[in-house]
């Protein structure tokens, strides 16, 4: 199987030149209660994402995500790390690892090494106010366009810079178009129809 790697919403909506390398081992400087809270957030986000997508996160990929999450939350204490952020990142990983006509069955450590959570965070939310958008449709698989650009298929979560966007979801028998104002730290949901 040939893998197609592409960057969807990140380069279009949130591109920045701030990158750093992948975390392999981290020294976490957080109070124990904060570490436990952050670990629980990652665990809950991954579990809910796996349930909703049917795509599994391998144990090694999970450990990498948790390590990067803890490292970033220690270095950016004023940033709100929400489960929506982890889910949006996992959707990006899934979409980058898409085989020609097949959704991957799992997210592997190599997928994370190719596009780390740290890179995603630098591109999407460090030093920027962001909010979250969840796009749903019945049936699933509707094409999502944000400001006219294809960004994947439903169901999918996005981390977006604060602002107003035109969201379009195209289904075989219908099309929904909505204007959405993304506010800092809020989750907006669009359901089509």
N, C-alpha and C. Protein backbone atom coordinates (compact mmCIF):
# COMPACT_ATOMS: atom_id res chain seq x y z
N UNK A 1 0.83 -1.18 0.00
CA UNK A 1 0.00 0.00 0.00
C UNK A 1 0.88 1.25 0.00
N UNK A 2 0.50 2.20 -0.77
CA UNK A 2 1.21 3.46 -0.84
C UNK A 2 0.60 4.44 0.14
N UNK A 3 1.43 5.14 0.88
CA UNK A 3 0.92 6.14 1.81
C UNK A 3 0.98 7.51 1.17
N UNK A 4 -0.06 8.28 1.41
CA UNK A 4 -0.12 9.65 0.92
C UNK A 4 -0.02 10.55 2.15
N UNK A 5 0.99 11.39 2.20
CA UNK A 5 1.16 12.30 3.34
C UNK A 5 0.77 13.70 2.89
N UNK A 6 -0.08 14.32 3.64
CA UNK A 6 -0.44 15.69 3.34
C UNK A 6 -0.81 16.42 4.61
N UNK A 7 -0.68 17.72 4.58
CA UNK A 7 -1.05 18.55 5.70
C UNK A 7 -2.33 19.27 5.33
N UNK A 8 -3.36 19.10 6.13
CA UNK A 8 -4.65 19.66 5.80
C UNK A 8 -4.80 21.04 6.41
N UNK A 9 -5.63 21.18 7.38
CA UNK A 9 -5.99 22.48 7.91
C UNK A 9 -4.83 23.26 8.52
N UNK A 10 -3.81 22.58 8.96
CA UNK A 10 -2.76 23.26 9.71
C UNK A 10 -2.04 24.31 8.89
N UNK A 11 -1.58 23.95 7.70
CA UNK A 11 -0.84 24.92 6.91
C UNK A 11 -1.72 26.06 6.43
N UNK A 12 -2.95 25.77 6.11
CA UNK A 12 -3.87 26.78 5.61
C UNK A 12 -4.29 27.76 6.70
N UNK A 13 -4.67 27.25 7.85
CA UNK A 13 -5.28 28.11 8.86
C UNK A 13 -4.32 28.60 9.94
N UNK A 14 -3.30 27.81 10.24
CA UNK A 14 -2.54 28.12 11.44
C UNK A 14 -1.03 28.09 11.25
N UNK A 15 -0.58 28.19 10.02
CA UNK A 15 0.85 28.00 9.76
C UNK A 15 1.70 29.03 10.49
N UNK A 16 2.81 28.55 10.98
CA UNK A 16 3.80 29.41 11.61
C UNK A 16 5.16 28.78 11.42
N UNK A 17 6.19 29.53 11.54
CA UNK A 17 7.52 28.96 11.34
C UNK A 17 8.10 28.40 12.62
N UNK A 18 7.37 28.45 13.72
CA UNK A 18 7.89 27.97 15.00
C UNK A 18 7.75 26.45 15.08
N UNK A 19 8.86 25.76 14.98
CA UNK A 19 8.88 24.31 15.10
C UNK A 19 9.92 23.93 16.14
N UNK A 20 9.74 22.77 16.73
CA UNK A 20 10.81 22.21 17.54
C UNK A 20 10.80 20.71 17.33
N UNK A 21 11.86 20.06 17.77
CA UNK A 21 11.98 18.64 17.49
C UNK A 21 11.08 17.80 18.38
N UNK A 22 10.90 16.55 17.96
CA UNK A 22 10.04 15.63 18.68
C UNK A 22 10.61 15.36 20.07
N UNK A 23 9.72 15.16 21.03
CA UNK A 23 10.13 14.83 22.38
C UNK A 23 10.32 13.32 22.48
N UNK A 24 11.44 12.89 23.01
CA UNK A 24 11.61 11.47 23.23
C UNK A 24 11.65 11.19 24.71
N UNK A 25 12.42 11.95 25.45
CA UNK A 25 12.39 11.84 26.90
C UNK A 25 12.21 13.25 27.42
N UNK A 26 11.36 13.38 28.42
CA UNK A 26 11.09 14.71 28.94
C UNK A 26 11.28 14.72 30.44
N UNK A 27 11.73 15.86 30.93
CA UNK A 27 11.78 16.08 32.36
C UNK A 27 10.60 16.99 32.66
N UNK A 28 9.61 16.45 33.33
CA UNK A 28 8.39 17.18 33.59
C UNK A 28 8.53 17.94 34.90
N UNK A 29 8.30 19.25 34.85
CA UNK A 29 8.40 20.09 36.04
C UNK A 29 7.03 20.62 36.39
N UNK A 30 6.13 19.72 36.69
CA UNK A 30 4.77 20.07 37.08
C UNK A 30 4.50 19.46 38.45
N UNK A 31 3.62 20.09 39.22
CA UNK A 31 3.21 19.45 40.48
C UNK A 31 2.57 18.10 40.18
N UNK A 32 2.70 17.16 41.10
CA UNK A 32 2.19 15.80 40.88
C UNK A 32 0.71 15.81 40.50
N UNK A 33 -0.09 16.64 41.15
CA UNK A 33 -1.53 16.69 40.84
C UNK A 33 -1.77 17.16 39.41
N UNK A 34 -0.96 18.10 38.95
CA UNK A 34 -1.09 18.60 37.58
C UNK A 34 -0.68 17.53 36.57
N UNK A 35 0.37 16.78 36.87
CA UNK A 35 0.79 15.69 36.00
C UNK A 35 -0.33 14.67 35.87
N UNK A 36 -0.94 14.31 37.01
CA UNK A 36 -2.04 13.33 36.97
C UNK A 36 -3.23 13.86 36.19
N UNK A 37 -3.56 15.13 36.35
CA UNK A 37 -4.66 15.74 35.61
C UNK A 37 -4.37 15.72 34.11
N UNK A 38 -3.15 16.08 33.73
CA UNK A 38 -2.78 16.07 32.32
C UNK A 38 -2.78 14.66 31.74
N UNK A 39 -2.29 13.70 32.49
CA UNK A 39 -2.32 12.30 32.03
C UNK A 39 -3.76 11.83 31.83
N UNK A 40 -4.63 12.19 32.75
CA UNK A 40 -6.04 11.80 32.64
C UNK A 40 -6.68 12.47 31.42
N UNK A 41 -6.32 13.71 31.14
CA UNK A 41 -6.85 14.42 29.97
C UNK A 41 -6.46 13.70 28.69
N UNK A 42 -5.19 13.32 28.58
CA UNK A 42 -4.71 12.61 27.39
C UNK A 42 -5.41 11.26 27.28
N UNK A 43 -5.49 10.54 28.38
CA UNK A 43 -6.13 9.22 28.36
C UNK A 43 -7.58 9.31 27.92
N UNK A 44 -8.34 10.26 28.49
CA UNK A 44 -9.75 10.43 28.13
C UNK A 44 -9.91 10.86 26.67
N UNK A 45 -9.05 11.78 26.23
CA UNK A 45 -9.13 12.26 24.84
C UNK A 45 -8.86 11.13 23.85
N UNK A 46 -7.83 10.34 24.11
CA UNK A 46 -7.49 9.23 23.22
C UNK A 46 -8.60 8.19 23.23
N UNK A 47 -9.11 7.86 24.41
CA UNK A 47 -10.18 6.85 24.50
C UNK A 47 -11.43 7.30 23.74
N UNK A 48 -11.83 8.55 23.91
CA UNK A 48 -13.04 9.02 23.21
C UNK A 48 -12.81 9.09 21.71
N UNK A 49 -11.59 9.47 21.30
CA UNK A 49 -11.27 9.53 19.87
C UNK A 49 -11.28 8.13 19.26
N UNK A 50 -10.67 7.17 19.94
CA UNK A 50 -10.65 5.79 19.44
C UNK A 50 -12.07 5.25 19.30
N UNK A 51 -12.92 5.54 20.28
CA UNK A 51 -14.31 5.08 20.24
C UNK A 51 -15.06 5.69 19.06
N UNK A 52 -14.87 6.98 18.83
CA UNK A 52 -15.63 7.65 17.78
C UNK A 52 -15.11 7.35 16.37
N UNK A 53 -13.82 7.04 16.23
CA UNK A 53 -13.27 6.81 14.89
C UNK A 53 -13.04 5.35 14.55
N UNK A 54 -12.89 4.51 15.57
CA UNK A 54 -12.55 3.12 15.32
C UNK A 54 -11.08 2.93 14.98
N UNK A 55 -10.29 3.98 15.09
CA UNK A 55 -8.85 3.92 14.82
C UNK A 55 -8.13 3.86 16.17
N UNK A 56 -7.23 2.92 16.32
CA UNK A 56 -6.53 2.70 17.57
C UNK A 56 -5.22 3.49 17.61
N UNK A 57 -4.85 3.97 18.79
CA UNK A 57 -3.56 4.61 19.00
C UNK A 57 -2.66 3.57 19.65
N UNK A 58 -1.55 3.23 19.00
CA UNK A 58 -0.66 2.18 19.53
C UNK A 58 -0.09 2.63 20.88
N UNK A 59 0.30 1.67 21.74
CA UNK A 59 0.86 2.04 23.04
C UNK A 59 2.08 2.96 22.94
N UNK A 60 2.97 2.71 21.97
CA UNK A 60 4.15 3.56 21.84
C UNK A 60 3.77 4.97 21.38
N UNK A 61 2.78 5.09 20.50
CA UNK A 61 2.32 6.42 20.07
C UNK A 61 1.64 7.14 21.23
N UNK A 62 0.88 6.40 22.02
CA UNK A 62 0.22 6.99 23.18
C UNK A 62 1.25 7.55 24.16
N UNK A 63 2.31 6.77 24.44
CA UNK A 63 3.35 7.22 25.37
C UNK A 63 4.04 8.49 24.85
N UNK A 64 4.28 8.53 23.54
CA UNK A 64 4.90 9.71 22.93
C UNK A 64 4.00 10.94 23.07
N UNK A 65 2.71 10.76 22.78
CA UNK A 65 1.76 11.86 22.91
C UNK A 65 1.71 12.36 24.35
N UNK A 66 1.64 11.44 25.29
CA UNK A 66 1.60 11.82 26.70
C UNK A 66 2.87 12.57 27.11
N UNK A 67 4.03 12.08 26.68
CA UNK A 67 5.31 12.74 27.02
C UNK A 67 5.37 14.16 26.44
N UNK A 68 4.96 14.31 25.19
CA UNK A 68 4.99 15.64 24.59
C UNK A 68 3.97 16.56 25.26
N UNK A 69 2.80 16.03 25.57
CA UNK A 69 1.75 16.81 26.24
C UNK A 69 2.27 17.34 27.58
N UNK A 70 2.88 16.45 28.38
CA UNK A 70 3.41 16.85 29.69
C UNK A 70 4.53 17.87 29.56
N UNK A 71 5.41 17.66 28.57
CA UNK A 71 6.50 18.60 28.36
C UNK A 71 5.98 19.98 27.99
N UNK A 72 5.03 20.04 27.06
CA UNK A 72 4.48 21.33 26.65
C UNK A 72 3.68 22.00 27.75
N UNK A 73 2.92 21.21 28.51
CA UNK A 73 2.13 21.83 29.58
C UNK A 73 3.04 22.36 30.68
N UNK A 74 4.22 21.76 30.86
CA UNK A 74 5.18 22.28 31.83
C UNK A 74 5.84 23.55 31.34
N UNK A 75 6.10 23.64 30.03
CA UNK A 75 6.81 24.80 29.49
C UNK A 75 5.87 25.95 29.12
N UNK A 76 4.59 25.70 29.01
CA UNK A 76 3.61 26.74 28.69
C UNK A 76 2.46 26.68 29.69
N UNK A 77 2.72 27.05 30.95
CA UNK A 77 1.74 26.86 32.02
C UNK A 77 0.45 27.66 31.85
N UNK A 78 0.48 28.75 31.09
CA UNK A 78 -0.73 29.56 30.94
C UNK A 78 -1.65 29.04 29.84
N UNK A 79 -1.17 28.08 29.06
CA UNK A 79 -1.97 27.53 27.97
C UNK A 79 -2.94 26.50 28.51
N UNK A 80 -4.17 26.55 28.02
CA UNK A 80 -5.17 25.58 28.46
C UNK A 80 -5.10 24.35 27.56
N UNK A 81 -4.71 23.25 28.14
CA UNK A 81 -4.64 22.00 27.41
C UNK A 81 -5.96 21.27 27.60
N UNK A 82 -6.74 21.20 26.54
CA UNK A 82 -8.06 20.59 26.60
C UNK A 82 -8.08 19.32 25.78
N UNK A 83 -9.02 18.41 26.09
CA UNK A 83 -9.12 17.17 25.32
C UNK A 83 -9.35 17.42 23.83
N UNK A 84 -10.04 18.51 23.49
CA UNK A 84 -10.30 18.82 22.07
C UNK A 84 -9.00 18.99 21.29
N UNK A 85 -7.98 19.49 21.96
CA UNK A 85 -6.68 19.68 21.31
C UNK A 85 -6.07 18.33 20.92
N UNK A 86 -6.09 17.37 21.83
CA UNK A 86 -5.55 16.05 21.54
C UNK A 86 -6.36 15.37 20.43
N UNK A 87 -7.69 15.49 20.49
CA UNK A 87 -8.52 14.86 19.46
C UNK A 87 -8.26 15.49 18.08
N UNK A 88 -8.15 16.82 18.04
CA UNK A 88 -7.87 17.50 16.76
C UNK A 88 -6.53 17.03 16.19
N UNK A 89 -5.54 16.88 17.05
CA UNK A 89 -4.23 16.38 16.62
C UNK A 89 -4.34 14.96 16.06
N UNK A 90 -5.08 14.10 16.75
CA UNK A 90 -5.23 12.72 16.29
C UNK A 90 -5.95 12.66 14.94
N UNK A 91 -6.94 13.53 14.72
CA UNK A 91 -7.59 13.58 13.41
C UNK A 91 -6.59 13.98 12.33
N UNK A 92 -5.71 14.93 12.63
CA UNK A 92 -4.69 15.32 11.65
C UNK A 92 -3.77 14.14 11.35
N UNK A 93 -3.34 13.42 12.39
CA UNK A 93 -2.49 12.25 12.16
C UNK A 93 -3.21 11.22 11.30
N UNK A 94 -4.47 10.97 11.62
CA UNK A 94 -5.24 10.00 10.84
C UNK A 94 -5.29 10.42 9.38
N UNK A 95 -5.58 11.69 9.13
CA UNK A 95 -5.72 12.16 7.75
C UNK A 95 -4.39 12.16 7.01
N UNK A 96 -3.29 12.33 7.71
CA UNK A 96 -1.98 12.27 7.06
C UNK A 96 -1.58 10.85 6.73
N UNK A 97 -2.07 9.89 7.48
CA UNK A 97 -1.69 8.50 7.28
C UNK A 97 -2.70 7.73 6.43
N UNK A 98 -3.53 8.46 5.69
CA UNK A 98 -4.57 7.82 4.89
C UNK A 98 -3.93 7.07 3.72
N UNK A 99 -4.28 5.80 3.60
CA UNK A 99 -3.89 5.05 2.41
C UNK A 99 -4.82 5.51 1.30
N UNK A 100 -4.55 5.13 0.07
CA UNK A 100 -5.29 5.67 -1.05
C UNK A 100 -6.80 5.68 -0.86
N UNK A 101 -7.39 4.61 -0.43
CA UNK A 101 -8.83 4.58 -0.25
C UNK A 101 -9.23 3.98 1.09
N UNK A 102 -8.34 4.02 2.05
CA UNK A 102 -8.62 3.32 3.29
C UNK A 102 -8.11 4.10 4.48
N UNK A 103 -8.94 4.24 5.49
CA UNK A 103 -8.53 4.88 6.74
C UNK A 103 -7.62 3.91 7.49
N UNK A 104 -6.54 4.41 8.09
CA UNK A 104 -5.66 3.51 8.83
C UNK A 104 -6.39 2.88 10.03
N UNK A 105 -5.95 1.69 10.42
CA UNK A 105 -6.56 1.01 11.55
C UNK A 105 -5.94 1.44 12.87
N UNK A 106 -4.76 2.05 12.78
CA UNK A 106 -4.10 2.52 14.01
C UNK A 106 -3.13 3.65 13.70
N UNK A 107 -2.86 4.43 14.72
CA UNK A 107 -1.84 5.48 14.66
C UNK A 107 -0.60 4.89 15.33
N UNK A 108 0.51 4.88 14.60
CA UNK A 108 1.74 4.29 15.09
C UNK A 108 2.74 5.38 15.49
N UNK A 109 3.77 4.98 16.21
CA UNK A 109 4.81 5.91 16.63
C UNK A 109 5.45 6.59 15.42
N UNK A 110 5.65 5.88 14.32
CA UNK A 110 6.23 6.50 13.11
C UNK A 110 5.35 7.63 12.59
N UNK A 111 4.02 7.47 12.68
CA UNK A 111 3.11 8.55 12.27
C UNK A 111 3.36 9.79 13.12
N UNK A 112 3.55 9.58 14.42
CA UNK A 112 3.79 10.71 15.33
C UNK A 112 5.16 11.32 15.10
N UNK A 113 6.14 10.51 14.78
CA UNK A 113 7.48 11.04 14.52
C UNK A 113 7.47 11.92 13.26
N UNK A 114 6.65 11.54 12.27
CA UNK A 114 6.56 12.32 11.04
C UNK A 114 5.89 13.68 11.28
N UNK A 115 4.98 13.73 12.24
CA UNK A 115 4.29 14.98 12.56
C UNK A 115 3.95 14.97 14.04
N UNK A 116 4.84 15.49 14.86
CA UNK A 116 4.72 15.38 16.31
C UNK A 116 3.66 16.32 16.89
N UNK A 117 3.22 15.99 18.07
CA UNK A 117 2.29 16.86 18.79
C UNK A 117 2.94 18.21 19.07
N UNK A 118 4.23 18.20 19.32
CA UNK A 118 4.94 19.46 19.57
C UNK A 118 4.86 20.37 18.34
N UNK A 119 5.07 19.82 17.14
CA UNK A 119 4.93 20.63 15.92
C UNK A 119 3.50 21.14 15.78
N UNK A 120 2.55 20.25 16.01
CA UNK A 120 1.14 20.64 15.91
C UNK A 120 0.85 21.79 16.88
N UNK A 121 1.31 21.66 18.10
CA UNK A 121 1.08 22.69 19.10
C UNK A 121 1.72 24.02 18.69
N UNK A 122 2.94 23.96 18.21
CA UNK A 122 3.62 25.19 17.77
C UNK A 122 2.87 25.85 16.62
N UNK A 123 2.32 25.02 15.73
CA UNK A 123 1.61 25.55 14.58
C UNK A 123 0.23 26.08 14.95
N UNK A 124 -0.38 25.48 15.96
CA UNK A 124 -1.79 25.79 16.17
C UNK A 124 -2.11 26.64 17.38
N UNK A 125 -1.38 26.54 18.47
CA UNK A 125 -1.88 27.26 19.61
C UNK A 125 -0.88 27.98 20.49
N UNK A 126 0.38 27.69 20.42
CA UNK A 126 1.32 28.38 21.28
C UNK A 126 1.36 29.85 20.88
N UNK A 127 1.13 30.72 21.81
CA UNK A 127 1.14 32.17 21.62
C UNK A 127 -0.01 32.69 20.75
N UNK A 128 -1.05 31.89 20.53
CA UNK A 128 -2.20 32.34 19.75
C UNK A 128 -3.48 31.93 20.46
N UNK A 129 -4.47 32.80 20.45
CA UNK A 129 -5.76 32.35 20.98
C UNK A 129 -6.45 31.44 19.95
N UNK A 130 -6.89 30.28 20.40
CA UNK A 130 -7.55 29.33 19.52
C UNK A 130 -8.82 28.80 20.16
N UNK A 131 -9.66 28.24 19.30
CA UNK A 131 -10.85 27.53 19.73
C UNK A 131 -10.91 26.23 18.96
N UNK A 132 -12.00 25.51 19.14
CA UNK A 132 -12.12 24.18 18.56
C UNK A 132 -13.42 24.07 17.78
N UNK A 133 -13.38 23.28 16.72
CA UNK A 133 -14.56 23.05 15.89
C UNK A 133 -14.70 21.56 15.64
N UNK A 134 -15.89 21.03 15.87
CA UNK A 134 -16.20 19.64 15.56
C UNK A 134 -17.22 19.62 14.45
N UNK A 135 -16.93 18.89 13.38
CA UNK A 135 -17.84 18.77 12.24
C UNK A 135 -18.40 17.35 12.21
N UNK A 136 -19.72 17.23 12.28
CA UNK A 136 -20.44 15.96 12.24
C UNK A 136 -21.40 15.96 11.07
N UNK A 137 -21.74 14.78 10.59
CA UNK A 137 -22.79 14.68 9.59
C UNK A 137 -23.45 13.31 9.69
N UNK A 138 -24.68 13.26 9.18
CA UNK A 138 -25.39 12.00 9.06
C UNK A 138 -25.78 11.85 7.60
N UNK A 139 -25.20 10.89 6.90
CA UNK A 139 -24.21 9.92 7.34
C UNK A 139 -22.83 10.56 7.46
N UNK A 140 -21.90 9.83 8.10
CA UNK A 140 -20.53 10.34 8.20
C UNK A 140 -19.87 10.27 6.83
N UNK A 141 -18.72 10.91 6.71
CA UNK A 141 -17.99 10.90 5.44
C UNK A 141 -18.26 12.10 4.57
N UNK A 142 -19.00 13.10 5.11
CA UNK A 142 -19.24 14.32 4.35
C UNK A 142 -17.96 15.12 4.18
N UNK A 143 -17.78 15.70 3.02
CA UNK A 143 -16.59 16.50 2.73
C UNK A 143 -16.68 17.84 3.45
N UNK A 144 -15.62 18.20 4.18
CA UNK A 144 -15.58 19.46 4.94
C UNK A 144 -14.76 20.48 4.18
N UNK A 145 -15.34 21.67 4.00
CA UNK A 145 -14.62 22.79 3.42
C UNK A 145 -14.62 23.92 4.44
N UNK A 146 -13.47 24.50 4.68
CA UNK A 146 -13.35 25.66 5.57
C UNK A 146 -12.83 26.80 4.71
N UNK A 147 -13.64 27.85 4.62
CA UNK A 147 -13.31 28.99 3.76
C UNK A 147 -12.95 28.53 2.34
N UNK A 148 -13.69 27.53 1.85
CA UNK A 148 -13.54 27.08 0.48
C UNK A 148 -12.46 26.03 0.24
N UNK A 149 -11.72 25.65 1.27
CA UNK A 149 -10.64 24.66 1.10
C UNK A 149 -11.04 23.33 1.73
N UNK A 150 -10.83 22.24 1.00
CA UNK A 150 -11.14 20.90 1.51
C UNK A 150 -10.21 20.57 2.67
N UNK A 151 -10.83 20.13 3.77
CA UNK A 151 -10.06 19.88 4.98
C UNK A 151 -10.27 18.48 5.56
N UNK A 152 -10.90 17.60 4.82
CA UNK A 152 -11.11 16.26 5.32
C UNK A 152 -12.57 15.88 5.27
N UNK A 153 -12.92 14.84 6.02
CA UNK A 153 -14.28 14.34 6.04
C UNK A 153 -14.79 14.24 7.46
N UNK A 154 -16.12 14.29 7.58
CA UNK A 154 -16.74 14.15 8.89
C UNK A 154 -16.62 12.70 9.34
N UNK A 155 -16.45 12.52 10.54
CA UNK A 155 -16.41 13.35 11.73
C UNK A 155 -14.95 13.80 11.91
N UNK A 156 -14.76 15.09 12.24
CA UNK A 156 -13.41 15.60 12.44
C UNK A 156 -13.44 16.82 13.34
N UNK A 157 -12.40 16.93 14.19
CA UNK A 157 -12.21 18.08 15.05
C UNK A 157 -11.06 18.92 14.52
N UNK A 158 -11.15 20.24 14.71
CA UNK A 158 -10.12 21.17 14.27
C UNK A 158 -9.73 22.08 15.42
N UNK A 159 -8.49 22.50 15.44
CA UNK A 159 -8.01 23.58 16.30
C UNK A 159 -7.84 24.76 15.36
N UNK A 160 -8.59 25.85 15.61
CA UNK A 160 -8.58 26.99 14.69
C UNK A 160 -8.23 28.28 15.42
N UNK A 161 -7.55 29.15 14.72
CA UNK A 161 -7.29 30.48 15.26
C UNK A 161 -8.63 31.19 15.48
N UNK A 162 -8.68 32.02 16.48
CA UNK A 162 -9.91 32.79 16.76
C UNK A 162 -10.26 33.60 15.52
N UNK A 163 -11.53 33.56 15.14
CA UNK A 163 -11.98 34.29 13.96
C UNK A 163 -13.27 33.70 13.42
N UNK A 164 -13.68 34.21 12.27
CA UNK A 164 -14.92 33.76 11.63
C UNK A 164 -14.58 32.96 10.38
N UNK A 165 -15.26 31.84 10.22
CA UNK A 165 -15.00 30.93 9.10
C UNK A 165 -16.32 30.52 8.46
N UNK A 166 -16.27 30.26 7.15
CA UNK A 166 -17.42 29.67 6.47
C UNK A 166 -17.15 28.17 6.38
N UNK A 167 -18.06 27.41 6.98
CA UNK A 167 -17.93 25.96 7.02
C UNK A 167 -18.97 25.36 6.09
N UNK A 168 -18.53 24.44 5.24
CA UNK A 168 -19.44 23.76 4.32
C UNK A 168 -19.21 22.27 4.48
N UNK A 169 -20.30 21.52 4.62
CA UNK A 169 -20.23 20.07 4.66
C UNK A 169 -21.08 19.55 3.51
N UNK A 170 -20.45 18.80 2.62
CA UNK A 170 -21.14 18.27 1.45
C UNK A 170 -21.40 16.78 1.62
N UNK A 171 -22.66 16.40 1.49
CA UNK A 171 -23.09 15.01 1.54
C UNK A 171 -23.66 14.63 0.19
N UNK A 172 -23.85 13.35 -0.09
CA UNK A 172 -24.38 12.96 -1.39
C UNK A 172 -25.73 13.61 -1.73
N UNK A 173 -26.59 13.81 -0.73
CA UNK A 173 -27.93 14.33 -1.01
C UNK A 173 -28.20 15.70 -0.39
N UNK A 174 -27.21 16.28 0.25
CA UNK A 174 -27.43 17.60 0.86
C UNK A 174 -26.11 18.33 1.05
N UNK A 175 -26.25 19.60 1.37
CA UNK A 175 -25.08 20.45 1.62
C UNK A 175 -25.46 21.44 2.72
N UNK A 176 -24.61 21.59 3.71
CA UNK A 176 -24.83 22.55 4.79
C UNK A 176 -23.74 23.61 4.70
N UNK A 177 -24.14 24.86 4.82
CA UNK A 177 -23.20 25.97 4.84
C UNK A 177 -23.52 26.81 6.06
N UNK A 178 -22.50 27.04 6.89
CA UNK A 178 -22.70 27.82 8.11
C UNK A 178 -21.51 28.73 8.34
N UNK A 179 -21.79 29.89 8.89
CA UNK A 179 -20.77 30.83 9.31
C UNK A 179 -20.52 30.56 10.80
N UNK A 180 -19.27 30.37 11.19
CA UNK A 180 -18.94 30.05 12.57
C UNK A 180 -17.93 31.05 13.08
N UNK A 181 -18.18 31.57 14.27
CA UNK A 181 -17.21 32.44 14.95
C UNK A 181 -16.52 31.62 16.02
N UNK A 182 -15.25 31.38 15.82
CA UNK A 182 -14.46 30.61 16.78
C UNK A 182 -13.98 31.56 17.87
N UNK A 183 -14.28 31.20 19.10
CA UNK A 183 -13.86 31.98 20.26
C UNK A 183 -12.81 31.20 21.04
N UNK A 184 -11.94 31.92 21.72
CA UNK A 184 -10.84 31.30 22.46
C UNK A 184 -11.36 30.25 23.45
N UNK A 185 -10.74 29.10 23.40
CA UNK A 185 -10.99 27.99 24.33
C UNK A 185 -12.38 27.40 24.28
N UNK A 186 -13.21 27.75 23.29
CA UNK A 186 -14.54 27.20 23.17
C UNK A 186 -14.58 26.12 22.10
N UNK A 187 -15.51 25.19 22.27
CA UNK A 187 -15.78 24.16 21.27
C UNK A 187 -17.10 24.46 20.60
N UNK A 188 -17.07 24.62 19.27
CA UNK A 188 -18.29 24.78 18.47
C UNK A 188 -18.49 23.49 17.71
N UNK A 189 -19.75 23.09 17.56
CA UNK A 189 -20.09 21.87 16.84
C UNK A 189 -21.04 22.19 15.71
N UNK A 190 -20.75 21.63 14.54
CA UNK A 190 -21.65 21.75 13.40
C UNK A 190 -22.15 20.36 13.08
N UNK A 191 -23.47 20.23 13.00
CA UNK A 191 -24.12 18.97 12.62
C UNK A 191 -24.84 19.18 11.30
N UNK A 192 -24.60 18.29 10.36
CA UNK A 192 -25.25 18.38 9.05
C UNK A 192 -25.93 17.06 8.75
N UNK A 193 -27.12 16.99 8.33
CA UNK A 193 -28.08 18.10 8.25
C UNK A 193 -28.65 18.44 9.61
